[in-house]
Amino acid sequence: MNGIELKKVDNTKRRQNIKLALCLLSSNLLLILAFTLFGKEEKTPTNSSVLERAFHENYERLNLPLELKIIYSSQDKEIPISIFSEDKKLLVKKAFLHPELTPNENESKEFVIEIPKTSLDRVIAYQGDKLLAYPEIQTNEISPVTKVSRGEEYEITF
């Protein structure tokens, strides 16, 4: 053809690499699309649904204004506490504070706590007063001391 030679460039290797990349990309996109549309939706518990369930058996969940005398992190799930009245009278020996469920600390000093159902009447009696929360009191129950007698007492007469 008029003395000009055209060289054919072998693009088959290059085309195969492009086809492979496009195949991988499109298959990955189709898989992502299929999993998002038809995959199982995992329900994450909302704050309100977590608040509605009971956490411990025989405990009642309450929002109480407390003055905390403990150090805690907002990531803690629950903290065992003891609740005292303003005059240091023990109201609840063991309760659970849930800092992750409490409202914003700047707004109020109310906390979500769990109180044993047997202690509710004592807490209700002090409802308007200032309540203090300390770390849980760990007491060892000591059995009452019994007097050991070494036999009966005898009276000797002469």
C-alpha atoms as a PDB file:
ATOM      1  CA  MET A   1       0.000   0.000   0.000  1.00  0.00           C
ATOM      2  CA  ASN A   2       2.044   2.870  -1.186  1.00  0.00           C
ATOM      3  CA  GLY A   3       5.163   1.702   0.536  1.00  0.00           C
ATOM      4  CA  ILE A   4       3.911   2.322   4.091  1.00  0.00           C
ATOM      5  CA  GLU A   5       3.859  -0.666   6.319  1.00  0.00           C
ATOM      6  CA  LEU A   6       1.502  -0.725   9.216  1.00  0.00           C
ATOM      7  CA  LYS A   7       2.518  -2.806  12.158  1.00  0.00           C
ATOM      8  CA  LYS A   8      -0.215  -4.551  14.024  1.00  0.00           C
ATOM      9  CA  VAL A   9       0.209  -4.084  17.737  1.00  0.00           C
ATOM     10  CA  ASP A  10      -0.729  -7.120  19.750  1.00  0.00           C
ATOM     11  CA  ASN A  11      -3.270  -5.758  22.229  1.00  0.00           C
ATOM     12  CA  THR A  12      -4.697  -9.102  23.247  1.00  0.00           C
ATOM     13  CA  LYS A  13      -2.707  -9.265  26.493  1.00  0.00           C
ATOM     14  CA  ARG A  14      -3.697  -5.739  27.417  1.00  0.00           C
ATOM     15  CA  ARG A  15      -7.355  -6.380  26.540  1.00  0.00           C
ATOM     16  CA  GLN A  16      -7.387  -9.512  28.665  1.00  0.00           C
ATOM     17  CA  ASN A  17      -6.057  -7.575  31.670  1.00  0.00           C
ATOM     18  CA  ILE A  18      -8.712  -4.870  31.208  1.00  0.00           C
ATOM     19  CA  LYS A  19     -11.451  -7.504  30.868  1.00  0.00           C
ATOM     20  CA  LEU A  20     -10.248  -9.256  34.037  1.00  0.00           C
ATOM     21  CA  ALA A  21     -10.249  -6.004  36.008  1.00  0.00           C
ATOM     22  CA  LEU A  22     -13.733  -5.081  34.773  1.00  0.00           C
ATOM     23  CA  CYS A  23     -15.030  -8.575  35.618  1.00  0.00           C
ATOM     24  CA  LEU A  24     -13.666  -8.417  39.146  1.00  0.00           C
ATOM     25  CA  LEU A  25     -15.003  -4.928  39.701  1.00  0.00           C
ATOM     26  CA  SER A  26     -18.472  -5.693  38.363  1.00  0.00           C
ATOM     27  CA  SER A  27     -18.761  -8.987  40.286  1.00  0.00           C
ATOM     28  CA  ASN A  28     -17.762  -7.270  43.536  1.00  0.00           C
ATOM     29  CA  LEU A  29     -20.284  -4.499  42.935  1.00  0.00           C
ATOM     30  CA  LEU A  30     -23.032  -7.045  42.236  1.00  0.00           C
ATOM     31  CA  LEU A  31     -22.209  -8.949  45.441  1.00  0.00           C
ATOM     32  CA  ILE A  32     -22.281  -5.776  47.511  1.00  0.00           C
ATOM     33  CA  LEU A  33     -25.599  -4.800  45.964  1.00  0.00           C
ATOM     34  CA  ALA A  34     -27.078  -8.251  46.594  1.00  0.00           C
ATOM     35  CA  PHE A  35     -25.975  -8.349  50.242  1.00  0.00           C
ATOM     36  CA  THR A  36     -27.268  -4.868  51.001  1.00  0.00           C
ATOM     37  CA  LEU A  37     -30.640  -5.462  49.395  1.00  0.00           C
ATOM     38  CA  PHE A  38     -31.335  -9.049  50.398  1.00  0.00           C
ATOM     39  CA  GLY A  39     -29.097  -9.585  53.416  1.00  0.00           C
ATOM     40  CA  LYS A  40     -30.408  -9.925  56.934  1.00  0.00           C
ATOM     41  CA  GLU A  41     -30.801  -6.663  58.735  1.00  0.00           C
ATOM     42  CA  GLU A  42     -29.316  -6.786  62.189  1.00  0.00           C
ATOM     43  CA  LYS A  43     -31.353  -4.633  64.474  1.00  0.00           C
ATOM     44  CA  THR A  44     -29.197  -2.579  66.735  1.00  0.00           C
ATOM     45  CA  PRO A  45     -30.964  -1.947  70.005  1.00  0.00           C
ATOM     46  CA  THR A  46     -32.097   1.610  70.320  1.00  0.00           C
ATOM     47  CA  ASN A  47     -31.755   3.485  73.553  1.00  0.00           C
ATOM     48  CA  SER A  48     -35.498   3.248  74.235  1.00  0.00           C
ATOM     49  CA  SER A  49     -35.630  -0.524  73.640  1.00  0.00           C
ATOM     50  CA  VAL A  50     -32.687  -1.047  75.965  1.00  0.00           C
ATOM     51  CA  LEU A  51     -34.416   1.021  78.630  1.00  0.00           C
ATOM     52  CA  GLU A  52     -37.593  -1.053  78.422  1.00  0.00           C
ATOM     53  CA  ARG A  53     -36.078  -4.386  79.337  1.00  0.00           C
ATOM     54  CA  ALA A  54     -35.182  -5.459  82.868  1.00  0.00           C
ATOM     55  CA  PHE A  55     -31.538  -6.116  83.449  1.00  0.00           C
ATOM     56  CA  HIS A  56     -31.485  -8.102  86.681  1.00  0.00           C
ATOM     57  CA  GLU A  57     -34.093 -10.359  88.151  1.00  0.00           C
ATOM     58  CA  ASN A  58     -36.022  -8.881  91.102  1.00  0.00           C
ATOM     59  CA  TYR A  59     -34.640  -5.407  90.373  1.00  0.00           C
ATOM     60  CA  GLU A  60     -36.606  -2.357  89.287  1.00  0.00           C
ATOM     61  CA  ARG A  61     -35.214   0.309  86.976  1.00  0.00           C
ATOM     62  CA  LEU A  62     -35.622   3.939  88.101  1.00  0.00           C
ATOM     63  CA  ASN A  63     -34.418   7.386  87.131  1.00  0.00           C
ATOM     64  CA  LEU A  64     -33.206   8.995  90.344  1.00  0.00           C
ATOM     65  CA  PRO A  65     -31.325  12.206  91.038  1.00  0.00           C
ATOM     66  CA  LEU A  66     -28.067  11.146  92.676  1.00  0.00           C
ATOM     67  CA  GLU A  67     -24.894  12.801  93.820  1.00  0.00           C
ATOM     68  CA  LEU A  68     -22.153  10.421  92.730  1.00  0.00           C
ATOM     69  CA  LYS A  69     -19.185   9.825  94.984  1.00  0.00           C
ATOM     70  CA  ILE A  70     -17.571   7.413  92.527  1.00  0.00           C
ATOM     71  CA  ILE A  71     -15.462   7.711  89.417  1.00  0.00           C
ATOM     72  CA  TYR A  72     -16.921   6.057  86.349  1.00  0.00           C
ATOM     73  CA  SER A  73     -16.590   5.976  82.608  1.00  0.00           C
ATOM     74  CA  SER A  74     -19.548   6.454  80.275  1.00  0.00           C
ATOM     75  CA  GLN A  75     -18.531   3.241  78.462  1.00  0.00           C
ATOM     76  CA  ASP A  76     -19.157   1.115  81.579  1.00  0.00           C
ATOM     77  CA  LYS A  77     -22.240  -1.054  81.214  1.00  0.00           C
ATOM     78  CA  GLU A  78     -23.123  -1.140  84.896  1.00  0.00           C
ATOM     79  CA  ILE A  79     -21.515  -0.125  88.157  1.00  0.00           C
ATOM     80  CA  PRO A  80     -22.509  -1.687  91.484  1.00  0.00           C
ATOM     81  CA  ILE A  81     -23.277   1.066  93.991  1.00  0.00           C
ATOM     82  CA  SER A  82     -24.772   1.580  97.435  1.00  0.00           C
ATOM     83  CA  ILE A  83     -27.275   4.366  97.985  1.00  0.00           C
ATOM     84  CA  PHE A  84     -27.289   6.501 101.128  1.00  0.00           C
ATOM     85  CA  SER A  85     -29.512   9.307 102.326  1.00  0.00           C
ATOM     86  CA  GLU A  86     -28.127  12.757 103.057  1.00  0.00           C
ATOM     87  CA  ASP A  87     -27.653  11.856 106.724  1.00  0.00           C
ATOM     88  CA  LYS A  88     -25.544   8.787 105.676  1.00  0.00           C
ATOM     89  CA  LYS A  89     -28.276   6.247 106.367  1.00  0.00           C
ATOM     90  CA  LEU A  90     -27.930   3.151 104.164  1.00  0.00           C
ATOM     91  CA  LEU A  91     -30.983   2.844 101.909  1.00  0.00           C
ATOM     92  CA  VAL A  92     -29.865   0.273  99.327  1.00  0.00           C
ATOM     93  CA  LYS A  93     -26.915  -2.026  99.907  1.00  0.00           C
ATOM     94  CA  LYS A  94     -26.526  -3.093  96.261  1.00  0.00           C
ATOM     95  CA  ALA A  95     -27.888  -1.266  93.216  1.00  0.00           C
ATOM     96  CA  PHE A  96     -26.630  -0.947  89.651  1.00  0.00           C
ATOM     97  CA  LEU A  97     -25.848   2.342  87.935  1.00  0.00           C
ATOM     98  CA  HIS A  98     -26.088   2.351  84.116  1.00  0.00           C
ATOM     99  CA  PRO A  99     -24.068   5.344  82.893  1.00  0.00           C
ATOM    100  CA  GLU A 100     -24.500   4.572  79.172  1.00  0.00           C
ATOM    101  CA  LEU A 101     -28.271   5.017  79.504  1.00  0.00           C
ATOM    102  CA  THR A 102     -28.250   8.245  81.450  1.00  0.00           C
ATOM    103  CA  PRO A 103     -29.307  11.471  79.756  1.00  0.00           C
ATOM    104  CA  ASN A 104     -26.787  14.198  79.112  1.00  0.00           C
ATOM    105  CA  GLU A 105     -25.004  15.006  82.374  1.00  0.00           C
ATOM    106  CA  ASN A 106     -25.124  18.754  81.744  1.00  0.00           C
ATOM    107  CA  GLU A 107     -28.927  18.759  81.681  1.00  0.00           C
ATOM    108  CA  SER A 108     -29.701  16.889  84.904  1.00  0.00           C
ATOM    109  CA  LYS A 109     -28.183  14.796  87.641  1.00  0.00           C
ATOM    110  CA  GLU A 110     -30.650  11.934  87.129  1.00  0.00           C
ATOM    111  CA  PHE A 111     -29.217   8.503  86.524  1.00  0.00           C
ATOM    112  CA  VAL A 112     -30.693   5.197  85.409  1.00  0.00           C
ATOM    113  CA  ILE A 113     -30.259   2.745  88.268  1.00  0.00           C
ATOM    114  CA  GLU A 114     -31.603  -0.659  89.196  1.00  0.00           C
ATOM    115  CA  ILE A 115     -32.837  -1.111  92.748  1.00  0.00           C
ATOM    116  CA  PRO A 116     -33.955  -4.368  94.382  1.00  0.00           C
ATOM    117  CA  LYS A 117     -37.729  -4.540  94.665  1.00  0.00           C
ATOM    118  CA  THR A 118     -37.376  -5.126  98.398  1.00  0.00           C
ATOM    119  CA  SER A 119     -35.658  -1.729  98.828  1.00  0.00           C
ATOM    120  CA  LEU A 120     -38.092   0.364  96.806  1.00  0.00           C
ATOM    121  CA  ASP A 121     -40.118   1.514  99.818  1.00  0.00           C
ATOM    122  CA  ARG A 122     -37.018   2.946 101.541  1.00  0.00           C
ATOM    123  CA  VAL A 123     -35.989   4.844  98.408  1.00  0.00           C
ATOM    124  CA  ILE A 124     -39.521   6.180  97.877  1.00  0.00           C
ATOM    125  CA  ALA A 125     -39.563   7.475 101.464  1.00  0.00           C
ATOM    126  CA  TYR A 126     -36.457   9.585 100.683  1.00  0.00           C
ATOM    127  CA  GLN A 127     -37.539  10.544  97.160  1.00  0.00           C
ATOM    128  CA  GLY A 128     -37.432  14.321  97.619  1.00  0.00           C
ATOM    129  CA  ASP A 129     -34.177  14.304  99.598  1.00  0.00           C
ATOM    130  CA  LYS A 130     -30.631  14.343  98.335  1.00  0.00           C
ATOM    131  CA  LEU A 131     -29.359  10.788  97.683  1.00  0.00           C
ATOM    132  CA  LEU A 132     -25.694   9.818  97.583  1.00  0.00           C
ATOM    133  CA  ALA A 133     -24.171   6.973  95.566  1.00  0.00           C
ATOM    134  CA  TYR A 134     -20.990   5.321  96.820  1.00  0.00           C
ATOM    135  CA  PRO A 135     -19.191   2.209  95.549  1.00  0.00           C
ATOM    136  CA  GLU A 136     -20.878  -0.995  96.639  1.00  0.00           C
ATOM    137  CA  ILE A 137     -20.324  -1.911 100.266  1.00  0.00           C
ATOM    138  CA  GLN A 138     -18.623  -5.277 100.532  1.00  0.00           C
ATOM    139  CA  THR A 139     -19.432  -6.635 103.972  1.00  0.00           C
ATOM    140  CA  ASN A 140     -18.810 -10.100 105.218  1.00  0.00           C
ATOM    141  CA  GLU A 141     -21.781 -11.509 107.006  1.00  0.00           C
ATOM    142  CA  ILE A 142     -20.492 -12.556 110.422  1.00  0.00           C
ATOM    143  CA  SER A 143     -22.535 -15.071 112.311  1.00  0.00           C
ATOM    144  CA  PRO A 144     -23.381 -14.059 115.866  1.00  0.00           C
ATOM    145  CA  VAL A 145     -20.901 -15.232 118.464  1.00  0.00           C
ATOM    146  CA  THR A 146     -22.257 -18.024 120.599  1.00  0.00           C
ATOM    147  CA  LYS A 147     -21.034 -18.436 124.120  1.00  0.00           C
ATOM    148  CA  VAL A 148     -19.266 -21.725 124.542  1.00  0.00           C
ATOM    149  CA  SER A 149     -20.049 -23.311 127.842  1.00  0.00           C
ATOM    150  CA  ARG A 150     -17.820 -25.940 129.369  1.00  0.00           C
ATOM    151  CA  GLY A 151     -20.430 -27.864 131.127  1.00  0.00           C
ATOM    152  CA  GLU A 152     -22.844 -26.779 133.792  1.00  0.00           C
ATOM    153  CA  GLU A 153     -21.942 -24.614 136.706  1.00  0.00           C
ATOM    154  CA  TYR A 154     -21.975 -26.518 139.959  1.00  0.00           C
ATOM    155  CA  GLU A 155     -22.482 -25.151 143.412  1.00  0.00           C
ATOM    156  CA  ILE A 156     -20.341 -26.734 146.037  1.00  0.00           C
ATOM    157  CA  THR A 157     -21.509 -26.555 149.641  1.00  0.00           C
ATOM    158  CA  PHE A 158     -19.570 -27.673 152.758  1.00  0.00           C
END
